[in-house]
Amino acid sequence: MLSFKPLLPRCNEYFGYLKNIDKKRIYSNYGPLYFKTKKKIERYLKLKKKSVILTSSGDASLFACLKYLKYLNKNKKYILTPSFSFSSDIQSIINSGFEPIFIDINLENWTMSETEIYKEIKNNNKIAGILIVSPFGYPLNINNLNNLKSKTKIEIIYDAADTFLNLRNIEKINFFLTSSFHPTKNIAGNESGMIICKKLLEKNFKEILNFGQENKKKKIKIFGFNGKISEYDCAILLATLKNIIKIKEKIKKINQYIVKNTTNNLIIFQKNIGINWFSNKINFYSKNLYKKKIKKIFIKKGIQLYEPWTGKPMHLHDFFKNYKKNNLRNTLFLSKKILSLPINYDISNKNLKKICDTLNMLKKKR
């Protein structure tokens, strides 16, 4: 079976960083590798007025932002979010003291419908924030998000969990951005993540992520939690970042090959993948076949497919089914059909061809 397991740097690639940890005997709590990693990311993203705060996970990043919103909005109740997302988004909303309102997506790019967002805001004055999710690395338009915040006067959290390779113009954001460096992501650093925000808010988030403590006086100012990144995770992330240009180029070529060599016009890929954004996950659906049938065909060819996130929208899970939602017609349509093909950048040309051949033969199956 051709499966696609996560790929982290080999141990020899970060051995030097581990020696540094042994020498300094600093293992967490914003040590030297933390600041080295932070500086490298800020330089890569060309940030001057914004700060990167590294966290223990993408989930911790989301939770910290939502806890901060709750601190600012004690009397507001709701966060707008797509049901077409991952359980981390919804659990972070609930754990921070809010309730989700599930908003439909559009079928053009699989992201939250702005029309539906405006409709909900018009009739609800208890909304504290909008949690917008980037599906599988698809980069959202920064200007559109800035305009949405300006028009609605409601805070935005952009969950760009797997979008690091495709982030552009981040210096311009007037909202919070979170990302993940989980082993399954395009840029992997074991179990870690980040927040991007205005520089003046960096102190607030570092306190939230350190049990709510002020760094010097140790005074508790806010209900926080332990969301700090370890120096060991920084070591792995640094090794990955060292090769980021090479990783991006390999993923780009893989995406372009699959899109170019899939001639079956019944296969619908995510909008513009392999053209102006790139990912180690190829998500698609068929116009004429349900995913159960497609999975059987791929298994016969020895290729493993996955159902993205949890395989069904969040509002259909028992834990979340009683929360408010609008008409989720597009969410239901896409969730019934979409499949994911995780592809790491060390895949062979032979296996790439095998994938395209299998995609092309789907139109022959009825």
Protein backbone atom coordinates (compact mmCIF):
# COMPACT_ATOMS: atom_id res chain seq x y z
CA MET A 1 0.00 0.00 0.00
CA LEU A 2 1.39 3.37 -1.04
CA SER A 3 0.82 5.59 2.00
CA PHE A 4 2.28 8.97 2.75
CA LYS A 5 3.65 9.24 6.27
CA PRO A 6 4.86 12.57 7.68
CA LEU A 7 8.48 13.52 7.04
CA LEU A 8 10.59 15.44 9.55
CA PRO A 9 14.29 16.41 9.28
CA ARG A 10 16.76 13.62 10.03
CA CYS A 11 18.35 13.77 13.47
CA ASN A 12 21.74 14.77 12.07
CA GLU A 13 20.14 17.94 10.64
CA TYR A 14 19.31 19.30 14.11
CA PHE A 15 22.03 17.61 16.17
CA GLY A 16 23.92 20.90 16.50
CA TYR A 17 20.87 22.54 18.03
CA LEU A 18 20.50 19.67 20.52
CA LYS A 19 24.11 20.17 21.60
CA ASN A 20 23.29 23.82 22.19
CA ILE A 21 20.36 22.81 24.42
CA ASP A 22 22.65 20.49 26.43
CA LYS A 23 25.18 23.28 26.82
CA LYS A 24 22.73 26.00 27.86
CA ARG A 25 20.51 23.67 29.93
CA ILE A 26 17.46 25.72 28.94
CA TYR A 27 14.65 23.47 27.73
CA SER A 28 11.58 25.72 27.59
CA ASN A 29 10.32 29.12 28.85
CA TYR A 30 11.48 31.19 25.88
CA GLY A 31 15.07 30.00 25.60
CA PRO A 32 17.74 30.93 23.02
CA LEU A 33 16.41 28.62 20.28
CA TYR A 34 12.98 30.18 20.72
CA PHE A 35 14.35 33.60 19.81
CA LYS A 36 16.47 32.19 17.00
CA THR A 37 13.40 30.50 15.46
CA LYS A 38 11.19 33.55 15.99
CA LYS A 39 13.73 35.82 14.27
CA LYS A 40 14.12 33.42 11.33
CA ILE A 41 10.35 33.27 10.74
CA GLU A 42 9.91 37.04 11.05
CA ARG A 43 12.69 37.57 8.54
CA TYR A 44 11.23 34.99 6.13
CA LEU A 45 7.77 36.61 6.30
CA LYS A 46 9.29 40.14 6.13
CA LEU A 47 7.65 41.25 9.36
CA LYS A 48 8.60 44.58 10.93
CA LYS A 49 5.52 45.84 12.78
CA LYS A 50 4.14 42.39 13.55
CA SER A 51 5.47 39.76 15.96
CA VAL A 52 5.67 35.98 15.88
CA ILE A 53 4.89 34.15 19.12
CA LEU A 54 5.79 30.47 18.98
CA THR A 55 3.51 27.99 20.76
CA SER A 56 3.34 24.31 21.67
CA SER A 57 0.83 23.61 18.85
CA GLY A 58 -1.55 25.15 16.34
CA ASP A 59 -4.32 24.29 18.80
CA ALA A 60 -2.58 26.26 21.56
CA SER A 61 -2.29 29.23 19.17
CA LEU A 62 -6.04 29.19 18.49
CA PHE A 63 -6.91 28.76 22.16
CA ALA A 64 -4.67 31.67 23.20
CA CYS A 65 -6.27 34.02 20.66
CA LEU A 66 -9.78 33.01 21.69
CA LYS A 67 -8.97 33.38 25.39
CA TYR A 68 -7.68 36.88 24.66
CA LEU A 69 -10.91 37.69 22.80
CA LYS A 70 -12.94 36.44 25.76
CA TYR A 71 -10.87 38.63 28.09
CA LEU A 72 -11.82 41.63 25.93
CA ASN A 73 -15.44 40.58 25.32
CA LYS A 74 -16.82 39.15 28.56
CA ASN A 75 -20.43 39.94 27.61
CA LYS A 76 -20.33 38.59 24.07
CA LYS A 77 -21.28 35.01 23.36
CA TYR A 78 -20.54 33.82 19.83
CA ILE A 79 -17.75 33.11 17.36
CA LEU A 80 -18.66 32.65 13.69
CA THR A 81 -16.81 29.72 12.15
CA PRO A 82 -17.18 27.16 9.35
CA SER A 83 -18.43 23.66 10.08
CA PHE A 84 -16.08 22.63 7.26
CA SER A 85 -13.06 22.63 9.59
CA PHE A 86 -11.24 20.64 12.26
CA SER A 87 -12.39 19.90 15.80
CA SER A 88 -9.54 21.99 17.24
CA ASP A 89 -11.29 25.14 16.00
CA ILE A 90 -14.59 24.30 17.65
CA GLN A 91 -13.15 22.97 20.90
CA SER A 92 -10.98 26.07 21.27
CA ILE A 93 -14.07 28.26 20.84
CA ILE A 94 -16.01 26.33 23.49
CA ASN A 95 -13.09 25.96 25.93
CA SER A 96 -12.48 29.72 25.83
CA GLY A 97 -16.07 30.39 26.96
CA PHE A 98 -17.75 31.15 23.62
CA GLU A 99 -20.24 29.24 21.49
CA PRO A 100 -19.76 28.59 17.77
CA ILE A 101 -22.24 29.62 15.09
CA PHE A 102 -21.61 27.46 12.03
CA ILE A 103 -21.46 29.38 8.74
CA ASP A 104 -21.59 27.83 5.26
CA ILE A 105 -18.70 27.83 2.79
CA ASN A 106 -18.69 28.72 -0.89
CA LEU A 107 -17.93 26.06 -3.48
CA GLU A 108 -15.49 28.23 -5.40
CA ASN A 109 -12.63 28.05 -2.91
CA TRP A 110 -14.13 26.08 0.03
CA THR A 111 -13.82 28.98 2.50
CA MET A 112 -16.44 30.76 4.61
CA SER A 113 -19.07 32.67 2.66
CA GLU A 114 -18.76 36.41 3.30
CA THR A 115 -22.41 36.83 2.30
CA GLU A 116 -23.46 34.45 5.07
CA ILE A 117 -21.12 36.17 7.55
CA TYR A 118 -22.76 39.55 6.91
CA LYS A 119 -26.23 38.05 7.18
CA GLU A 120 -25.47 36.58 10.60
CA ILE A 121 -23.83 39.76 11.92
CA LYS A 122 -26.80 41.87 10.83
CA ASN A 123 -29.12 39.96 13.17
CA ASN A 124 -26.79 39.25 16.09
CA ASN A 125 -25.04 41.77 18.37
CA LYS A 126 -23.44 39.11 20.58
CA ILE A 127 -20.67 38.13 18.15
CA ALA A 128 -17.16 38.58 19.54
CA GLY A 129 -15.14 37.24 16.62
CA ILE A 130 -14.90 35.48 13.29
CA LEU A 131 -12.68 32.40 13.06
CA ILE A 132 -11.89 31.92 9.38
CA VAL A 133 -10.23 28.64 8.41
CA SER A 134 -7.85 28.13 5.50
CA PRO A 135 -8.73 24.72 4.03
CA PHE A 136 -5.62 22.56 3.57
CA GLY A 137 -3.16 25.38 2.85
CA TYR A 138 -5.32 27.54 0.57
CA PRO A 139 -4.23 31.17 1.20
CA LEU A 140 -6.99 33.65 1.96
CA ASN A 141 -6.84 37.15 0.49
CA ILE A 142 -5.36 39.45 3.15
CA ASN A 143 -7.01 42.60 1.76
CA ASN A 144 -10.43 40.91 1.83
CA LEU A 145 -9.95 39.89 5.46
CA ASN A 146 -8.80 43.40 6.41
CA ASN A 147 -11.87 44.87 4.71
CA LEU A 148 -14.15 42.37 6.45
CA LYS A 149 -12.81 43.41 9.85
CA SER A 150 -13.04 47.10 9.00
CA LYS A 151 -16.65 46.82 7.83
CA THR A 152 -17.92 44.60 10.63
CA LYS A 153 -15.81 46.02 13.49
CA ILE A 154 -15.46 42.42 14.68
CA GLU A 155 -12.12 40.75 15.48
CA ILE A 156 -10.88 38.10 13.07
CA ILE A 157 -8.71 35.05 13.75
CA TYR A 158 -7.28 33.57 10.57
CA ASP A 159 -6.60 29.88 11.17
CA ALA A 160 -3.84 29.41 8.59
CA ALA A 161 -2.92 26.05 10.07
CA ASP A 162 -1.24 24.55 6.99
CA THR A 163 -0.69 27.73 4.99
CA PHE A 164 2.82 28.78 6.04
CA LEU A 165 4.35 28.09 2.60
CA ASN A 166 1.71 30.27 0.94
CA LEU A 167 1.60 33.25 3.31
CA ARG A 168 2.04 36.61 1.59
CA ASN A 169 1.65 40.26 2.64
CA ILE A 170 1.35 39.27 6.29
CA GLU A 171 2.80 42.60 7.42
CA LYS A 172 -0.51 44.15 6.29
CA ILE A 173 -2.83 42.11 8.53
CA ASN A 174 -5.07 43.92 11.03
CA PHE A 175 -6.18 40.66 12.70
CA PHE A 176 -4.71 37.59 14.40
CA LEU A 177 -3.15 34.77 12.39
CA THR A 178 -2.38 31.30 13.72
CA SER A 179 -0.46 28.47 12.12
CA SER A 180 0.66 24.91 12.87
CA PHE A 181 3.98 23.09 12.44
CA HIS A 182 2.56 19.63 13.14
CA PRO A 183 4.41 16.77 11.35
CA THR A 184 1.57 16.51 8.81
CA LYS A 185 1.91 20.15 7.73
CA ASN A 186 3.86 21.56 4.80
CA ILE A 187 6.46 23.02 7.14
CA ALA A 188 6.86 20.59 10.02
CA GLY A 189 8.45 21.17 13.42
CA ASN A 190 6.97 18.36 15.47
CA GLU A 191 4.13 19.52 17.75
CA SER A 192 4.33 23.33 17.55
CA GLY A 193 2.63 26.43 16.17
CA MET A 194 2.65 30.22 16.05
CA ILE A 195 0.61 33.40 16.44
CA ILE A 196 1.19 36.55 14.40
CA CYS A 197 -0.10 39.81 15.90
CA LYS A 198 0.81 43.45 16.48
CA LYS A 199 4.09 43.87 18.39
CA LEU A 200 2.37 45.56 21.31
CA LEU A 201 0.30 42.42 21.94
CA GLU A 202 3.25 40.02 22.05
CA LYS A 203 3.60 40.42 25.82
CA ASN A 204 -0.09 39.58 26.36
CA PHE A 205 0.12 36.34 24.42
CA LYS A 206 3.36 35.24 26.06
CA GLU A 207 1.61 35.68 29.42
CA ILE A 208 -1.46 33.71 28.33
CA LEU A 209 0.81 30.91 27.11
CA ASN A 210 2.71 30.92 30.42
CA PHE A 211 -0.17 30.21 32.84
CA GLY A 212 -1.30 33.86 32.68
CA GLN A 213 1.82 35.07 34.51
CA GLU A 214 3.64 38.34 33.99
CA ASN A 215 7.18 37.40 33.00
CA LYS A 216 8.99 39.32 35.75
CA LYS A 217 6.64 39.74 38.70
CA LYS A 218 4.90 36.36 38.18
CA LYS A 219 1.59 38.09 38.90
CA ILE A 220 -1.45 36.31 37.43
CA LYS A 221 -3.30 38.78 35.19
CA ILE A 222 -5.43 36.45 33.07
CA PHE A 223 -6.51 32.80 33.11
CA GLY A 224 -3.79 31.26 30.98
CA PHE A 225 -2.43 27.81 30.28
CA ASN A 226 0.85 26.12 29.39
CA GLY A 227 1.18 26.67 25.65
CA LYS A 228 4.91 27.38 25.38
CA ILE A 229 7.03 25.76 22.70
CA SER A 230 9.99 23.65 23.91
CA GLU A 231 13.58 24.21 22.80
CA TYR A 232 13.55 20.70 21.33
CA ASP A 233 10.64 21.55 19.06
CA CYS A 234 12.47 24.72 18.05
CA ALA A 235 15.47 22.61 17.09
CA ILE A 236 13.40 20.49 14.70
CA LEU A 237 11.61 23.54 13.30
CA LEU A 238 14.91 25.34 12.70
CA ALA A 239 16.20 22.35 10.73
CA THR A 240 13.05 22.44 8.58
CA LEU A 241 13.24 26.20 8.04
CA LYS A 242 16.82 25.84 6.88
CA ASN A 243 15.52 23.85 3.90
CA ILE A 244 12.30 25.78 3.31
CA ILE A 245 13.20 26.97 -0.21
CA LYS A 246 14.06 23.42 -1.32
CA ILE A 247 10.93 21.97 0.33
CA LYS A 248 8.68 24.56 -1.33
CA GLU A 249 10.22 23.95 -4.76
CA LYS A 250 9.75 20.19 -4.48
CA ILE A 251 6.13 20.52 -3.36
CA LYS A 252 5.50 23.02 -6.16
CA LYS A 253 6.82 20.63 -8.81
CA ILE A 254 4.74 17.74 -7.41
CA ASN A 255 1.57 19.88 -7.46
CA GLN A 256 2.23 21.06 -11.00
CA TYR A 257 2.90 17.54 -12.22
CA ILE A 258 -0.36 16.16 -10.78
CA VAL A 259 -2.51 19.03 -12.05
CA LYS A 260 -0.93 18.95 -15.51
CA ASN A 261 -1.10 15.17 -15.91
CA THR A 262 -4.62 14.68 -14.59
CA THR A 263 -6.62 14.99 -17.80
CA ASN A 264 -9.86 13.65 -16.37
CA ASN A 265 -12.21 16.67 -16.50
CA LEU A 266 -14.53 15.03 -13.96
CA ILE A 267 -11.92 15.56 -11.24
CA ILE A 268 -12.20 18.87 -9.37
CA PHE A 269 -9.09 20.02 -7.48
CA GLN A 270 -8.98 22.85 -4.98
CA LYS A 271 -8.99 26.22 -6.70
CA ASN A 272 -5.62 27.19 -8.24
CA ILE A 273 -3.57 24.52 -6.46
CA GLY A 274 -0.33 24.04 -8.36
CA ILE A 275 -0.77 27.48 -9.92
CA ASN A 276 -0.41 30.17 -7.26
CA TRP A 277 -0.33 28.07 -4.09
CA PHE A 278 1.11 24.69 -3.15
CA SER A 279 0.55 21.95 -0.60
CA ASN A 280 1.61 18.43 0.35
CA LYS A 281 -2.10 17.55 0.36
CA ILE A 282 -3.98 17.22 -2.92
CA ASN A 283 -7.69 17.52 -2.16
CA PHE A 284 -10.24 16.70 -4.84
CA TYR A 285 -13.64 15.28 -5.65
CA SER A 286 -15.25 13.61 -8.63
CA LYS A 287 -18.30 14.96 -10.44
CA ASN A 288 -19.61 11.47 -11.12
CA LEU A 289 -18.41 9.21 -8.29
CA TYR A 290 -18.89 9.19 -4.54
CA LYS A 291 -15.82 8.97 -2.34
CA LYS A 292 -16.56 5.43 -1.16
CA LYS A 293 -16.24 4.18 -4.75
CA ILE A 294 -13.10 6.25 -5.38
CA LYS A 295 -11.42 4.93 -2.24
CA LYS A 296 -12.04 1.34 -3.37
CA ILE A 297 -10.44 2.05 -6.76
CA PHE A 298 -7.39 3.65 -5.17
CA ILE A 299 -7.01 0.80 -2.66
CA LYS A 300 -7.00 -1.69 -5.55
CA LYS A 301 -4.15 0.33 -7.03
CA GLY A 302 -2.32 0.24 -3.71
CA ILE A 303 -2.80 3.96 -2.93
CA GLN A 304 -4.17 5.19 0.36
CA LEU A 305 -6.63 8.10 0.42
CA TYR A 306 -7.93 9.97 3.46
CA GLU A 307 -11.08 11.85 4.34
CA PRO A 308 -9.92 15.35 5.33
CA TRP A 309 -10.13 16.51 8.93
CA THR A 310 -12.60 14.11 10.59
CA GLY A 311 -14.42 13.05 7.44
CA LYS A 312 -17.60 14.93 8.24
CA PRO A 313 -18.49 18.53 9.08
CA MET A 314 -18.26 19.64 12.69
CA HIS A 315 -21.98 20.30 13.18
CA LEU A 316 -22.72 16.60 12.55
CA HIS A 317 -20.61 15.45 15.50
CA ASP A 318 -22.60 14.70 18.64
CA PHE A 319 -20.54 17.13 20.74
CA PHE A 320 -21.36 20.06 18.46
CA LYS A 321 -24.75 19.28 16.90
CA ASN A 322 -26.79 21.51 19.23
CA TYR A 323 -24.95 24.75 18.47
CA LYS A 324 -26.41 27.41 16.18
CA LYS A 325 -25.93 27.07 12.43
CA ASN A 326 -27.17 28.62 9.22
CA ASN A 327 -28.00 26.74 6.01
CA LEU A 328 -24.96 24.52 5.42
CA ARG A 329 -25.88 23.20 1.97
CA ASN A 330 -22.42 23.69 0.41
CA THR A 331 -20.69 22.26 3.48
CA LEU A 332 -22.76 19.09 3.26
CA PHE A 333 -22.24 18.74 -0.49
CA LEU A 334 -18.46 19.05 -0.31
CA SER A 335 -18.03 16.92 2.80
CA LYS A 336 -19.80 14.01 1.12
CA LYS A 337 -17.44 14.05 -1.86
CA ILE A 338 -13.98 15.41 -0.96
CA LEU A 339 -10.91 13.18 -0.53
CA SER A 340 -7.31 13.94 0.34
CA LEU A 341 -4.07 12.61 -1.05
CA PRO A 342 -1.17 13.53 1.29
CA ILE A 343 2.05 13.64 -0.74
CA ASN A 344 5.43 14.16 0.87
CA TYR A 345 8.20 15.80 -1.10
CA ASP A 346 10.28 12.62 -1.30
CA ILE A 347 7.69 10.76 -3.44
CA SER A 348 9.11 9.00 -6.52
CA ASN A 349 8.21 9.91 -10.11
CA LYS A 350 6.92 6.37 -10.57
CA ASN A 351 4.39 6.81 -7.77
CA LEU A 352 3.39 10.25 -9.00
CA LYS A 353 2.58 8.76 -12.39
CA LYS A 354 0.63 5.98 -10.69
CA ILE A 355 -1.52 8.55 -8.88
CA CYS A 356 -2.29 10.48 -12.08
CA ASP A 357 -3.10 7.29 -13.99
CA THR A 358 -5.55 6.31 -11.26
CA LEU A 359 -7.21 9.73 -11.25
CA ASN A 360 -7.55 9.58 -15.03
CA MET A 361 -9.19 6.17 -15.02
CA LEU A 362 -11.97 7.26 -12.67
CA LYS A 363 -14.09 8.57 -15.56
CA LYS A 364 -14.28 5.00 -16.92
CA LYS A 365 -15.87 3.69 -13.75
CA ARG A 366 -19.63 3.92 -13.42
